[in-house]
Amino acid sequence: MIRAVFGALTLTFASFGIASAKDAPAQPMAAVDQLPRGQEVSGTVIKLAGWAVATKDSQGYPFAVIDKKAAQILVFDGEGRPRGAAPVLIGSAVGDHTAPGIAGVALREIPGRDRTTPAGRFVGGFGPSVDAGRVLWVDHDSAVAIHPTATDVPAEKRVERLASPTPDDNRVTHGCINVSPEFFEQIMRPTFERGGVFYIVPDEAPIAKAFPEFAQSR
């Protein structure tokens, strides 16, 4: 899957007319692929990643593209080289909004309709939290972070959901993004130690609202 994505990115660079296919960075050997066998990456995600590299939108920082519909995360280093791909757990509610003041609300008190993972471009990094120590913030104001999969609520079956072959059961969190502990330690922690950019593809909102510059370039 990593090789297929890299090959598609090479073609995408040329399609934007910003960078040519020969400018595509070399693929690293250490990329980690945890996506279920046979699960594809959407064309929108590949084009968005290609645009981010071609336009240097992440300004040399590593970046990740999160596809909520497919429950996937793709991670790239600061030069646009694929670092990893994996399934994710996301907010239990479908939607792209962030409820006002949600950062100050206890998890158990967040209404079901507001347990969304917001869409858009976010600049984040590791930082302190009130009750979980140092976390990888995607957006502090929205209280959205990336965590290793929690196992403290057995009834939620988060480990089983993450391991299932389809994204149909991956909506379970209060809005944060979960990856496997192995992917977090091998890829997320070292890649985003100094921060990075996170592109979250919308559920319902037009792509132009979430990423206006990307949509205009298309």
N, C-alpha and C. Protein backbone atom coordinates (compact mmCIF):
# COMPACT_ATOMS: atom_id res chain seq x y z
N MET A 1 0.82 -1.19 0.00
CA MET A 1 0.00 0.00 0.00
C MET A 1 0.86 1.26 0.00
N ILE A 2 1.93 1.26 0.81
CA ILE A 2 2.81 2.42 0.85
C ILE A 2 3.40 2.68 -0.54
N ARG A 3 3.83 1.63 -1.22
CA ARG A 3 4.42 1.80 -2.55
C ARG A 3 3.39 2.32 -3.53
N ALA A 4 2.16 1.83 -3.42
CA ALA A 4 1.11 2.29 -4.33
C ALA A 4 0.82 3.77 -4.11
N VAL A 5 0.77 4.19 -2.85
CA VAL A 5 0.53 5.60 -2.53
C VAL A 5 1.66 6.46 -3.06
N PHE A 6 2.90 6.00 -2.87
CA PHE A 6 4.05 6.77 -3.32
C PHE A 6 4.02 6.93 -4.84
N GLY A 7 3.69 5.86 -5.55
CA GLY A 7 3.60 5.94 -7.00
C GLY A 7 2.53 6.90 -7.44
N ALA A 8 1.38 6.88 -6.76
CA ALA A 8 0.29 7.80 -7.10
C ALA A 8 0.68 9.24 -6.79
N LEU A 9 1.42 9.45 -5.71
CA LEU A 9 1.87 10.80 -5.38
C LEU A 9 2.77 11.36 -6.46
N THR A 10 3.64 10.53 -6.99
CA THR A 10 4.55 10.97 -8.05
C THR A 10 3.78 11.53 -9.23
N LEU A 11 2.69 10.85 -9.61
CA LEU A 11 1.86 11.31 -10.70
C LEU A 11 1.08 12.57 -10.32
N THR A 12 0.68 12.66 -9.05
CA THR A 12 -0.09 13.79 -8.60
C THR A 12 0.71 15.08 -8.64
N PHE A 13 2.01 15.01 -8.31
CA PHE A 13 2.84 16.21 -8.36
C PHE A 13 2.72 16.87 -9.73
N ALA A 14 2.83 16.09 -10.78
CA ALA A 14 2.79 16.63 -12.13
C ALA A 14 1.43 17.22 -12.46
N SER A 15 0.36 16.62 -11.93
CA SER A 15 -0.99 17.06 -12.28
C SER A 15 -1.29 18.46 -11.79
N PHE A 16 -0.60 18.91 -10.72
CA PHE A 16 -0.83 20.25 -10.21
C PHE A 16 0.00 21.30 -10.94
N GLY A 17 0.99 20.86 -11.72
CA GLY A 17 1.82 21.79 -12.44
C GLY A 17 2.70 22.63 -11.54
N ILE A 18 2.92 22.17 -10.30
CA ILE A 18 3.73 22.93 -9.35
C ILE A 18 5.09 22.28 -9.20
N ALA A 19 5.11 20.98 -9.20
CA ALA A 19 6.37 20.24 -9.15
C ALA A 19 6.25 19.08 -10.13
N SER A 20 7.34 18.68 -10.71
CA SER A 20 7.29 17.60 -11.69
C SER A 20 7.50 16.26 -11.02
N ALA A 21 7.17 15.20 -11.73
CA ALA A 21 7.30 13.86 -11.16
C ALA A 21 8.73 13.55 -10.77
N LYS A 22 9.71 14.12 -11.50
CA LYS A 22 11.10 13.83 -11.17
C LYS A 22 11.52 14.48 -9.85
N ASP A 23 10.72 15.43 -9.34
CA ASP A 23 11.03 16.08 -8.07
C ASP A 23 10.57 15.27 -6.87
N ALA A 24 9.84 14.19 -7.11
CA ALA A 24 9.31 13.40 -5.99
C ALA A 24 10.45 12.84 -5.16
N PRO A 25 10.35 12.96 -3.81
CA PRO A 25 11.42 12.46 -2.95
C PRO A 25 11.50 10.95 -2.95
N ALA A 26 12.66 10.43 -2.63
CA ALA A 26 12.86 8.99 -2.60
C ALA A 26 12.06 8.36 -1.47
N GLN A 27 11.55 7.17 -1.71
CA GLN A 27 10.76 6.46 -0.72
C GLN A 27 11.66 5.84 0.35
N PRO A 28 11.33 6.04 1.64
CA PRO A 28 12.16 5.44 2.68
C PRO A 28 11.86 3.96 2.82
N MET A 29 12.83 3.21 3.32
CA MET A 29 12.65 1.78 3.49
C MET A 29 11.89 1.45 4.77
N ALA A 30 11.81 2.41 5.71
CA ALA A 30 11.27 2.10 7.02
C ALA A 30 9.79 2.41 7.15
N ALA A 31 9.10 2.73 6.06
CA ALA A 31 7.68 3.04 6.14
C ALA A 31 6.89 1.86 6.70
N VAL A 32 5.91 2.16 7.55
CA VAL A 32 5.10 1.13 8.21
C VAL A 32 3.69 1.15 7.65
N ASP A 33 3.21 0.01 7.22
CA ASP A 33 1.87 -0.10 6.65
C ASP A 33 1.03 -1.04 7.51
N GLN A 34 0.06 -0.48 8.21
CA GLN A 34 -0.83 -1.29 9.05
C GLN A 34 -2.26 -1.36 8.49
N LEU A 35 -2.48 -0.81 7.31
CA LEU A 35 -3.83 -0.86 6.75
C LEU A 35 -4.24 -2.29 6.44
N PRO A 36 -5.52 -2.60 6.60
CA PRO A 36 -6.00 -3.94 6.29
C PRO A 36 -5.69 -4.30 4.83
N ARG A 37 -5.37 -5.55 4.61
CA ARG A 37 -5.03 -6.01 3.27
C ARG A 37 -6.17 -5.72 2.30
N GLY A 38 -5.84 -5.11 1.18
CA GLY A 38 -6.84 -4.83 0.15
C GLY A 38 -7.56 -3.51 0.33
N GLN A 39 -7.36 -2.83 1.45
CA GLN A 39 -8.03 -1.56 1.67
C GLN A 39 -7.30 -0.45 0.90
N GLU A 40 -8.02 0.29 0.09
CA GLU A 40 -7.42 1.31 -0.75
C GLU A 40 -7.42 2.68 -0.08
N VAL A 41 -6.59 3.57 -0.60
CA VAL A 41 -6.54 4.96 -0.17
C VAL A 41 -7.25 5.79 -1.23
N SER A 42 -8.12 6.72 -0.80
CA SER A 42 -8.93 7.45 -1.77
C SER A 42 -8.08 8.40 -2.62
N GLY A 43 -8.58 8.67 -3.81
CA GLY A 43 -7.90 9.60 -4.71
C GLY A 43 -7.80 10.99 -4.11
N THR A 44 -8.82 11.41 -3.36
CA THR A 44 -8.79 12.74 -2.73
C THR A 44 -7.65 12.84 -1.74
N VAL A 45 -7.44 11.80 -0.95
CA VAL A 45 -6.36 11.81 0.03
C VAL A 45 -5.00 11.89 -0.66
N ILE A 46 -4.83 11.11 -1.72
CA ILE A 46 -3.55 11.12 -2.44
C ILE A 46 -3.30 12.48 -3.07
N LYS A 47 -4.35 13.08 -3.66
CA LYS A 47 -4.18 14.39 -4.28
C LYS A 47 -3.90 15.47 -3.23
N LEU A 48 -4.55 15.35 -2.08
CA LEU A 48 -4.30 16.32 -1.01
C LEU A 48 -2.87 16.22 -0.51
N ALA A 49 -2.39 15.00 -0.32
CA ALA A 49 -1.01 14.80 0.12
C ALA A 49 -0.03 15.31 -0.94
N GLY A 50 -0.32 15.02 -2.19
CA GLY A 50 0.54 15.49 -3.27
C GLY A 50 0.59 17.00 -3.35
N TRP A 51 -0.57 17.62 -3.16
CA TRP A 51 -0.64 19.08 -3.15
C TRP A 51 0.17 19.66 -1.99
N ALA A 52 0.06 19.05 -0.81
CA ALA A 52 0.80 19.53 0.36
C ALA A 52 2.30 19.51 0.12
N VAL A 53 2.77 18.45 -0.55
CA VAL A 53 4.21 18.34 -0.84
C VAL A 53 4.61 19.33 -1.93
N ALA A 54 3.82 19.34 -3.02
CA ALA A 54 4.18 20.16 -4.17
C ALA A 54 4.20 21.64 -3.85
N THR A 55 3.29 22.09 -2.97
CA THR A 55 3.21 23.51 -2.63
C THR A 55 4.00 23.85 -1.37
N LYS A 56 4.59 22.81 -0.75
CA LYS A 56 5.31 23.01 0.52
C LYS A 56 4.39 23.65 1.57
N ASP A 57 3.14 23.20 1.57
CA ASP A 57 2.15 23.79 2.50
C ASP A 57 2.49 23.54 3.95
N SER A 58 3.19 22.44 4.24
CA SER A 58 3.55 22.15 5.64
C SER A 58 4.85 22.83 6.05
N GLN A 59 5.43 23.60 5.12
CA GLN A 59 6.63 24.41 5.40
C GLN A 59 7.78 23.59 5.99
N GLY A 60 7.95 22.41 5.44
CA GLY A 60 9.06 21.56 5.86
C GLY A 60 8.79 20.72 7.09
N TYR A 61 7.62 20.87 7.68
CA TYR A 61 7.27 20.05 8.83
C TYR A 61 6.61 18.75 8.35
N PRO A 62 6.69 17.70 9.14
CA PRO A 62 5.96 16.47 8.78
C PRO A 62 4.46 16.73 8.79
N PHE A 63 3.74 15.88 8.10
CA PHE A 63 2.28 16.06 8.08
C PHE A 63 1.58 14.72 8.00
N ALA A 64 0.30 14.75 8.33
CA ALA A 64 -0.54 13.56 8.25
C ALA A 64 -1.86 13.93 7.61
N VAL A 65 -2.40 13.00 6.84
CA VAL A 65 -3.73 13.16 6.26
C VAL A 65 -4.63 12.11 6.89
N ILE A 66 -5.72 12.56 7.51
CA ILE A 66 -6.66 11.65 8.16
C ILE A 66 -7.95 11.62 7.33
N ASP A 67 -8.33 10.46 6.86
CA ASP A 67 -9.55 10.26 6.10
C ASP A 67 -10.58 9.64 7.03
N LYS A 68 -11.56 10.44 7.44
CA LYS A 68 -12.54 9.93 8.41
C LYS A 68 -13.45 8.85 7.83
N LYS A 69 -13.85 9.02 6.58
CA LYS A 69 -14.76 8.04 5.98
C LYS A 69 -14.10 6.66 5.89
N ALA A 70 -12.83 6.64 5.55
CA ALA A 70 -12.11 5.37 5.43
C ALA A 70 -11.43 4.98 6.72
N ALA A 71 -11.47 5.87 7.74
CA ALA A 71 -10.81 5.61 9.03
C ALA A 71 -9.34 5.27 8.83
N GLN A 72 -8.62 6.15 8.13
CA GLN A 72 -7.21 5.94 7.83
C GLN A 72 -6.39 7.17 8.18
N ILE A 73 -5.12 6.95 8.49
CA ILE A 73 -4.15 8.03 8.61
C ILE A 73 -2.93 7.69 7.75
N LEU A 74 -2.47 8.68 6.99
CA LEU A 74 -1.24 8.55 6.22
C LEU A 74 -0.26 9.60 6.74
N VAL A 75 0.95 9.19 7.05
CA VAL A 75 1.95 10.06 7.67
C VAL A 75 3.14 10.25 6.72
N PHE A 76 3.61 11.50 6.63
CA PHE A 76 4.73 11.85 5.76
C PHE A 76 5.74 12.68 6.54
N ASP A 77 7.01 12.55 6.16
CA ASP A 77 8.02 13.37 6.83
C ASP A 77 8.06 14.76 6.19
N GLY A 78 8.97 15.61 6.65
CA GLY A 78 9.02 16.98 6.19
C GLY A 78 9.34 17.15 4.72
N GLU A 79 9.88 16.12 4.10
CA GLU A 79 10.20 16.17 2.67
C GLU A 79 9.15 15.47 1.82
N GLY A 80 8.08 15.04 2.46
CA GLY A 80 7.00 14.40 1.74
C GLY A 80 7.15 12.91 1.53
N ARG A 81 8.12 12.28 2.20
CA ARG A 81 8.30 10.84 2.07
C ARG A 81 7.31 10.11 2.96
N PRO A 82 6.64 9.08 2.45
CA PRO A 82 5.70 8.32 3.28
C PRO A 82 6.41 7.67 4.47
N ARG A 83 5.84 7.86 5.67
CA ARG A 83 6.38 7.25 6.87
C ARG A 83 5.52 6.10 7.37
N GLY A 84 4.21 6.18 7.09
CA GLY A 84 3.36 5.11 7.55
C GLY A 84 1.91 5.32 7.19
N ALA A 85 1.15 4.24 7.26
CA ALA A 85 -0.29 4.28 7.02
C ALA A 85 -0.94 3.30 7.98
N ALA A 86 -2.07 3.69 8.54
CA ALA A 86 -2.69 2.84 9.56
C ALA A 86 -4.17 3.17 9.71
N PRO A 87 -4.95 2.24 10.24
CA PRO A 87 -6.35 2.54 10.56
C PRO A 87 -6.42 3.41 11.81
N VAL A 88 -7.51 4.15 11.95
CA VAL A 88 -7.71 5.00 13.11
C VAL A 88 -9.13 4.82 13.65
N LEU A 89 -9.30 5.16 14.92
CA LEU A 89 -10.63 5.34 15.51
C LEU A 89 -10.87 6.83 15.59
N ILE A 90 -12.11 7.26 15.35
CA ILE A 90 -12.44 8.68 15.34
C ILE A 90 -13.71 8.93 16.14
N GLY A 91 -14.14 10.20 16.17
CA GLY A 91 -15.33 10.58 16.92
C GLY A 91 -16.56 9.78 16.53
N SER A 92 -17.39 9.45 17.51
CA SER A 92 -18.55 8.60 17.25
C SER A 92 -19.62 9.28 16.42
N ALA A 93 -19.64 10.62 16.40
CA ALA A 93 -20.66 11.35 15.65
C ALA A 93 -20.13 11.75 14.27
N VAL A 94 -20.99 11.62 13.27
CA VAL A 94 -20.64 12.08 11.93
C VAL A 94 -20.78 13.60 11.90
N GLY A 95 -19.80 14.29 11.37
CA GLY A 95 -19.85 15.74 11.30
C GLY A 95 -18.46 16.33 11.32
N ASP A 96 -18.36 17.60 10.97
CA ASP A 96 -17.07 18.26 10.83
C ASP A 96 -16.92 19.48 11.74
N HIS A 97 -17.91 19.72 12.57
CA HIS A 97 -17.90 20.92 13.42
C HIS A 97 -17.20 20.67 14.75
N THR A 98 -16.89 21.75 15.42
CA THR A 98 -16.40 21.71 16.79
C THR A 98 -17.37 22.50 17.66
N ALA A 99 -17.92 21.89 18.69
CA ALA A 99 -18.86 22.58 19.56
C ALA A 99 -18.14 23.69 20.33
N PRO A 100 -18.73 24.87 20.45
CA PRO A 100 -18.11 25.97 21.20
C PRO A 100 -17.81 25.57 22.63
N GLY A 101 -16.60 25.88 23.10
CA GLY A 101 -16.22 25.63 24.49
C GLY A 101 -15.98 24.18 24.83
N ILE A 102 -15.88 23.31 23.82
CA ILE A 102 -15.76 21.88 24.11
C ILE A 102 -14.47 21.53 24.84
N ALA A 103 -13.44 22.36 24.68
CA ALA A 103 -12.16 22.07 25.32
C ALA A 103 -12.28 22.08 26.85
N GLY A 104 -13.30 22.78 27.36
CA GLY A 104 -13.46 22.86 28.81
C GLY A 104 -14.51 21.93 29.37
N VAL A 105 -15.00 21.01 28.55
CA VAL A 105 -16.06 20.09 28.97
C VAL A 105 -15.48 18.71 29.24
N ALA A 106 -15.88 18.09 30.35
CA ALA A 106 -15.44 16.73 30.67
C ALA A 106 -15.94 15.77 29.60
N LEU A 107 -15.15 14.75 29.29
CA LEU A 107 -15.50 13.82 28.22
C LEU A 107 -16.90 13.24 28.39
N ARG A 108 -17.22 12.80 29.58
CA ARG A 108 -18.50 12.15 29.81
C ARG A 108 -19.68 13.10 29.63
N GLU A 109 -19.41 14.40 29.65
CA GLU A 109 -20.48 15.39 29.53
C GLU A 109 -20.65 15.92 28.10
N ILE A 110 -19.83 15.47 27.15
CA ILE A 110 -19.96 15.91 25.76
C ILE A 110 -21.18 15.23 25.15
N PRO A 111 -22.17 15.99 24.65
CA PRO A 111 -23.35 15.37 24.03
C PRO A 111 -22.94 14.51 22.85
N GLY A 112 -23.71 13.47 22.59
CA GLY A 112 -23.38 12.55 21.51
C GLY A 112 -23.21 13.23 20.17
N ARG A 113 -24.05 14.23 19.88
CA ARG A 113 -23.98 14.90 18.58
C ARG A 113 -22.70 15.70 18.39
N ASP A 114 -22.04 16.04 19.52
CA ASP A 114 -20.83 16.85 19.45
C ASP A 114 -19.55 16.02 19.56
N ARG A 115 -19.67 14.71 19.54
CA ARG A 115 -18.48 13.85 19.62
C ARG A 115 -17.92 13.63 18.21
N THR A 116 -17.59 14.75 17.59
CA THR A 116 -17.09 14.73 16.22
C THR A 116 -15.58 14.93 16.19
N THR A 117 -14.97 14.48 15.11
CA THR A 117 -13.58 14.81 14.82
C THR A 117 -13.63 15.91 13.76
N PRO A 118 -13.25 17.14 14.10
CA PRO A 118 -13.41 18.25 13.16
C PRO A 118 -12.55 18.10 11.92
N ALA A 119 -13.00 18.72 10.83
CA ALA A 119 -12.26 18.68 9.57
C ALA A 119 -11.48 19.97 9.36
N GLY A 120 -10.41 19.88 8.56
CA GLY A 120 -9.64 21.07 8.22
C GLY A 120 -8.15 20.87 8.38
N ARG A 121 -7.43 21.97 8.29
CA ARG A 121 -5.97 21.98 8.42
C ARG A 121 -5.61 22.47 9.81
N PHE A 122 -4.81 21.71 10.53
CA PHE A 122 -4.43 22.06 11.89
C PHE A 122 -2.92 21.95 12.06
N VAL A 123 -2.38 22.86 12.84
CA VAL A 123 -0.96 22.81 13.20
C VAL A 123 -0.88 22.39 14.66
N GLY A 124 -0.21 21.28 14.93
CA GLY A 124 -0.18 20.75 16.29
C GLY A 124 1.16 20.19 16.67
N GLY A 125 1.18 19.55 17.83
CA GLY A 125 2.41 18.96 18.32
C GLY A 125 2.22 18.47 19.75
N PHE A 126 3.27 17.91 20.31
CA PHE A 126 3.19 17.40 21.68
C PHE A 126 3.11 18.54 22.68
N GLY A 127 2.29 18.34 23.71
CA GLY A 127 2.14 19.33 24.76
C GLY A 127 1.39 18.76 25.94
N PRO A 128 1.33 19.49 27.04
CA PRO A 128 0.67 18.98 28.24
C PRO A 128 -0.85 18.97 28.11
N SER A 129 -1.47 18.09 28.88
CA SER A 129 -2.93 18.05 28.97
C SER A 129 -3.31 18.04 30.45
N VAL A 130 -4.58 18.25 30.71
CA VAL A 130 -5.06 18.34 32.09
C VAL A 130 -4.99 16.99 32.79
N ASP A 131 -5.38 15.92 32.10
CA ASP A 131 -5.52 14.63 32.78
C ASP A 131 -4.83 13.45 32.08
N ALA A 132 -4.08 13.72 31.00
CA ALA A 132 -3.46 12.60 30.28
C ALA A 132 -1.97 12.80 30.05
N GLY A 133 -1.35 13.70 30.80
CA GLY A 133 0.07 13.93 30.63
C GLY A 133 0.38 14.63 29.32
N ARG A 134 1.50 14.29 28.72
CA ARG A 134 1.94 14.89 27.46
C ARG A 134 1.29 14.14 26.30
N VAL A 135 0.56 14.86 25.46
CA VAL A 135 -0.17 14.22 24.36
C VAL A 135 0.18 14.90 23.04
N LEU A 136 -0.15 14.25 21.95
CA LEU A 136 0.05 14.80 20.62
C LEU A 136 -1.21 15.55 20.21
N TRP A 137 -1.19 16.86 20.40
CA TRP A 137 -2.34 17.67 20.06
C TRP A 137 -2.44 17.87 18.55
N VAL A 138 -3.64 17.64 18.02
CA VAL A 138 -3.95 18.05 16.65
C VAL A 138 -4.44 19.48 16.67
N ASP A 139 -5.36 19.75 17.60
CA ASP A 139 -5.88 21.11 17.79
C ASP A 139 -6.31 21.26 19.24
N HIS A 140 -5.58 22.07 19.98
CA HIS A 140 -5.85 22.22 21.42
C HIS A 140 -7.21 22.84 21.66
N ASP A 141 -7.60 23.84 20.86
CA ASP A 141 -8.88 24.52 21.07
C ASP A 141 -10.07 23.60 20.87
N SER A 142 -9.90 22.58 20.02
CA SER A 142 -10.97 21.62 19.78
C SER A 142 -10.85 20.40 20.68
N ALA A 143 -9.80 20.39 21.51
CA ALA A 143 -9.52 19.25 22.41
C ALA A 143 -9.36 17.95 21.64
N VAL A 144 -8.75 18.03 20.45
CA VAL A 144 -8.53 16.85 19.62
C VAL A 144 -7.05 16.49 19.63
N ALA A 145 -6.75 15.27 20.03
CA ALA A 145 -5.38 14.78 20.07
C ALA A 145 -5.33 13.39 19.44
N ILE A 146 -4.12 12.93 19.15
CA ILE A 146 -3.93 11.56 18.67
C ILE A 146 -3.34 10.74 19.82
N HIS A 147 -4.01 9.63 20.15
CA HIS A 147 -3.61 8.79 21.27
C HIS A 147 -3.38 7.35 20.81
N PRO A 148 -2.61 6.59 21.56
CA PRO A 148 -2.65 5.13 21.39
C PRO A 148 -4.03 4.63 21.80
N THR A 149 -4.47 3.56 21.22
CA THR A 149 -5.80 3.02 21.52
C THR A 149 -5.96 2.72 22.99
N ALA A 150 -7.05 3.22 23.58
CA ALA A 150 -7.32 2.99 25.00
C ALA A 150 -7.97 1.63 25.20
N THR A 151 -7.69 1.04 26.35
CA THR A 151 -8.27 -0.28 26.67
C THR A 151 -8.98 -0.25 28.02
N ASP A 152 -9.19 0.97 28.56
CA ASP A 152 -9.75 1.06 29.91
C ASP A 152 -11.26 0.91 29.96
N VAL A 153 -11.92 0.88 28.79
CA VAL A 153 -13.37 0.66 28.74
C VAL A 153 -13.61 -0.57 27.85
N PRO A 154 -13.55 -1.77 28.42
CA PRO A 154 -13.65 -3.00 27.62
C PRO A 154 -14.89 -3.05 26.74
N ALA A 155 -16.00 -2.47 27.20
CA ALA A 155 -17.24 -2.55 26.44
C ALA A 155 -17.14 -1.85 25.09
N GLU A 156 -16.23 -0.89 24.97
CA GLU A 156 -16.09 -0.17 23.70
C GLU A 156 -15.34 -0.98 22.65
N LYS A 157 -14.59 -1.98 23.07
CA LYS A 157 -13.88 -2.87 22.15
C LYS A 157 -13.03 -2.10 21.14
N ARG A 158 -12.26 -1.14 21.62
CA ARG A 158 -11.50 -0.28 20.71
C ARG A 158 -10.41 -1.05 19.96
N VAL A 159 -9.75 -1.95 20.64
CA VAL A 159 -8.71 -2.74 19.98
C VAL A 159 -9.31 -3.57 18.85
N GLU A 160 -10.45 -4.20 19.12
CA GLU A 160 -11.11 -5.02 18.11
C GLU A 160 -11.61 -4.17 16.94
N ARG A 161 -12.14 -3.01 17.25
CA ARG A 161 -12.62 -2.11 16.20
C ARG A 161 -11.48 -1.67 15.29
N LEU A 162 -10.33 -1.36 15.90
CA LEU A 162 -9.18 -0.90 15.12
C LEU A 162 -8.66 -2.01 14.22
N ALA A 163 -8.78 -3.25 14.67
CA ALA A 163 -8.25 -4.39 13.92
C ALA A 163 -9.22 -4.93 12.88
N SER A 164 -10.46 -4.47 12.88
CA SER A 164 -11.44 -4.99 11.93
C SER A 164 -11.06 -4.56 10.51
N PRO A 165 -11.45 -5.33 9.50
CA PRO A 165 -11.03 -5.07 8.12
C PRO A 165 -11.76 -3.92 7.43
N THR A 166 -12.83 -3.39 8.04
CA THR A 166 -13.58 -2.30 7.42
C THR A 166 -13.65 -1.11 8.37
N PRO A 167 -13.96 0.09 7.85
CA PRO A 167 -14.08 1.28 8.70
C PRO A 167 -15.44 1.44 9.34
N ASP A 168 -16.33 0.49 9.14
CA ASP A 168 -17.72 0.65 9.58
C ASP A 168 -17.88 0.78 11.09
N ASP A 169 -16.94 0.22 11.86
CA ASP A 169 -17.08 0.26 13.32
C ASP A 169 -16.00 1.11 13.99
N ASN A 170 -15.40 2.03 13.24
CA ASN A 170 -14.28 2.80 13.78
C ASN A 170 -14.67 4.13 14.40
N ARG A 171 -15.96 4.41 14.47
CA ARG A 171 -16.43 5.64 15.12
C ARG A 171 -16.83 5.31 16.56
N VAL A 172 -16.00 5.72 17.51
CA VAL A 172 -16.26 5.34 18.90
C VAL A 172 -15.73 6.36 19.90
N THR A 173 -14.83 7.25 19.51
CA THR A 173 -14.20 8.16 20.47
C THR A 173 -15.07 9.40 20.72
N HIS A 174 -14.60 10.24 21.64
CA HIS A 174 -15.29 11.50 21.92
C HIS A 174 -14.85 12.60 20.96
N GLY A 175 -14.00 12.27 20.01
CA GLY A 175 -13.52 13.24 19.03
C GLY A 175 -12.05 13.07 18.71
N CYS A 176 -11.31 12.50 19.65
CA CYS A 176 -9.88 12.30 19.43
C CYS A 176 -9.64 11.17 18.42
N ILE A 177 -8.41 11.06 17.97
CA ILE A 177 -8.02 10.07 16.98
C ILE A 177 -7.14 9.03 17.67
N ASN A 178 -7.49 7.76 17.52
CA ASN A 178 -6.73 6.66 18.12
C ASN A 178 -6.00 5.87 17.05
N VAL A 179 -4.76 5.50 17.34
CA VAL A 179 -4.00 4.57 16.50
C VAL A 179 -3.49 3.46 17.41
N SER A 180 -2.95 2.42 16.82
CA SER A 180 -2.42 1.34 17.65
C SER A 180 -1.21 1.84 18.44
N PRO A 181 -0.96 1.28 19.62
CA PRO A 181 0.22 1.69 20.40
C PRO A 181 1.52 1.54 19.62
N GLU A 182 1.62 0.48 18.80
CA GLU A 182 2.84 0.26 18.02
C GLU A 182 3.04 1.37 16.99
N PHE A 183 1.97 1.76 16.31
CA PHE A 183 2.08 2.81 15.30
C PHE A 183 2.40 4.15 15.96
N PHE A 184 1.82 4.38 17.12
CA PHE A 184 2.08 5.64 17.83
C PHE A 184 3.56 5.74 18.20
N GLU A 185 4.12 4.67 18.75
CA GLU A 185 5.52 4.71 19.20
C GLU A 185 6.51 4.68 18.04
N GLN A 186 6.21 3.90 17.01
CA GLN A 186 7.14 3.77 15.89
C GLN A 186 7.09 4.95 14.93
N ILE A 187 5.89 5.51 14.73
CA ILE A 187 5.72 6.53 13.69
C ILE A 187 5.32 7.89 14.25
N MET A 188 4.24 7.96 15.01
CA MET A 188 3.72 9.26 15.43
C MET A 188 4.68 10.00 16.35
N ARG A 189 5.18 9.32 17.36
CA ARG A 189 6.03 10.00 18.34
C ARG A 189 7.31 10.57 17.71
N PRO A 190 8.10 9.76 16.99
CA PRO A 190 9.33 10.33 16.43
C PRO A 190 9.08 11.32 15.30
N THR A 191 8.04 11.09 14.51
CA THR A 191 7.79 11.97 13.36
C THR A 191 7.35 13.36 13.80
N PHE A 192 6.50 13.43 14.83
CA PHE A 192 5.91 14.72 15.22
C PHE A 192 6.50 15.27 16.52
N GLU A 193 7.71 14.83 16.86
CA GLU A 193 8.34 15.29 18.10
C GLU A 193 8.47 16.82 18.12
N ARG A 194 8.70 17.42 16.96
CA ARG A 194 8.82 18.89 16.88
C ARG A 194 7.58 19.55 16.27
N GLY A 195 6.48 18.80 16.22
CA GLY A 195 5.25 19.36 15.69
C GLY A 195 5.04 19.01 14.23
N GLY A 196 3.89 19.40 13.70
CA GLY A 196 3.57 19.12 12.31
C GLY A 196 2.20 19.62 11.94
N VAL A 197 1.77 19.26 10.74
CA VAL A 197 0.50 19.72 10.19
C VAL A 197 -0.41 18.51 10.00
N PHE A 198 -1.69 18.69 10.31
CA PHE A 198 -2.67 17.60 10.21
C PHE A 198 -3.82 18.05 9.31
N TYR A 199 -4.07 17.27 8.26
CA TYR A 199 -5.17 17.55 7.34
C TYR A 199 -6.24 16.49 7.57
N ILE A 200 -7.41 16.93 8.04
CA ILE A 200 -8.51 16.00 8.31
C ILE A 200 -9.59 16.20 7.25
N VAL A 201 -9.80 15.17 6.43
CA VAL A 201 -10.76 15.25 5.33
C VAL A 201 -12.18 15.22 5.89
N PRO A 202 -13.06 16.10 5.41
CA PRO A 202 -14.41 16.21 6.00
C PRO A 202 -15.32 15.02 5.71
N ASP A 203 -16.29 14.84 6.61
CA ASP A 203 -17.35 13.85 6.42
C ASP A 203 -18.38 14.38 5.44
N GLU A 204 -18.87 15.60 5.71
CA GLU A 204 -20.01 16.15 4.99
C GLU A 204 -19.71 17.49 4.31
N ALA A 205 -18.88 18.30 4.92
CA ALA A 205 -18.61 19.63 4.39
C ALA A 205 -17.89 19.55 3.04
N PRO A 206 -18.08 20.53 2.17
CA PRO A 206 -17.36 20.54 0.88
C PRO A 206 -15.85 20.60 1.12
N ILE A 207 -15.10 19.94 0.27
CA ILE A 207 -13.65 19.95 0.40
C ILE A 207 -13.11 21.37 0.32
N ALA A 208 -13.81 22.24 -0.42
CA ALA A 208 -13.37 23.63 -0.57
C ALA A 208 -13.47 24.40 0.74
N LYS A 209 -14.37 24.01 1.62
CA LYS A 209 -14.49 24.67 2.90
C LYS A 209 -13.38 24.25 3.85
N ALA A 210 -13.01 22.98 3.79
CA ALA A 210 -11.96 22.47 4.67
C ALA A 210 -10.57 22.89 4.18
N PHE A 211 -10.37 22.86 2.86
CA PHE A 211 -9.06 23.18 2.28
C PHE A 211 -9.23 24.07 1.06
N PRO A 212 -9.53 25.35 1.26
CA PRO A 212 -9.83 26.23 0.12
C PRO A 212 -8.70 26.36 -0.89
N GLU A 213 -7.45 26.43 -0.43
CA GLU A 213 -6.34 26.60 -1.37
C GLU A 213 -6.13 25.33 -2.20
N PHE A 214 -6.30 24.19 -1.57
CA PHE A 214 -6.20 22.92 -2.30
C PHE A 214 -7.30 22.84 -3.35
N ALA A 215 -8.54 23.18 -2.97
CA ALA A 215 -9.65 23.10 -3.91
C ALA A 215 -9.45 24.07 -5.07
N GLN A 216 -8.92 25.24 -4.80
CA GLN A 216 -8.71 26.21 -5.86
C GLN A 216 -7.65 25.71 -6.85
N SER A 217 -6.63 25.04 -6.34
CA SER A 217 -5.57 24.53 -7.21
C SER A 217 -6.07 23.45 -8.15
N ARG A 218 -7.12 22.74 -7.75
CA ARG A 218 -7.66 21.66 -8.57
C ARG A 218 -8.44 22.22 -9.75
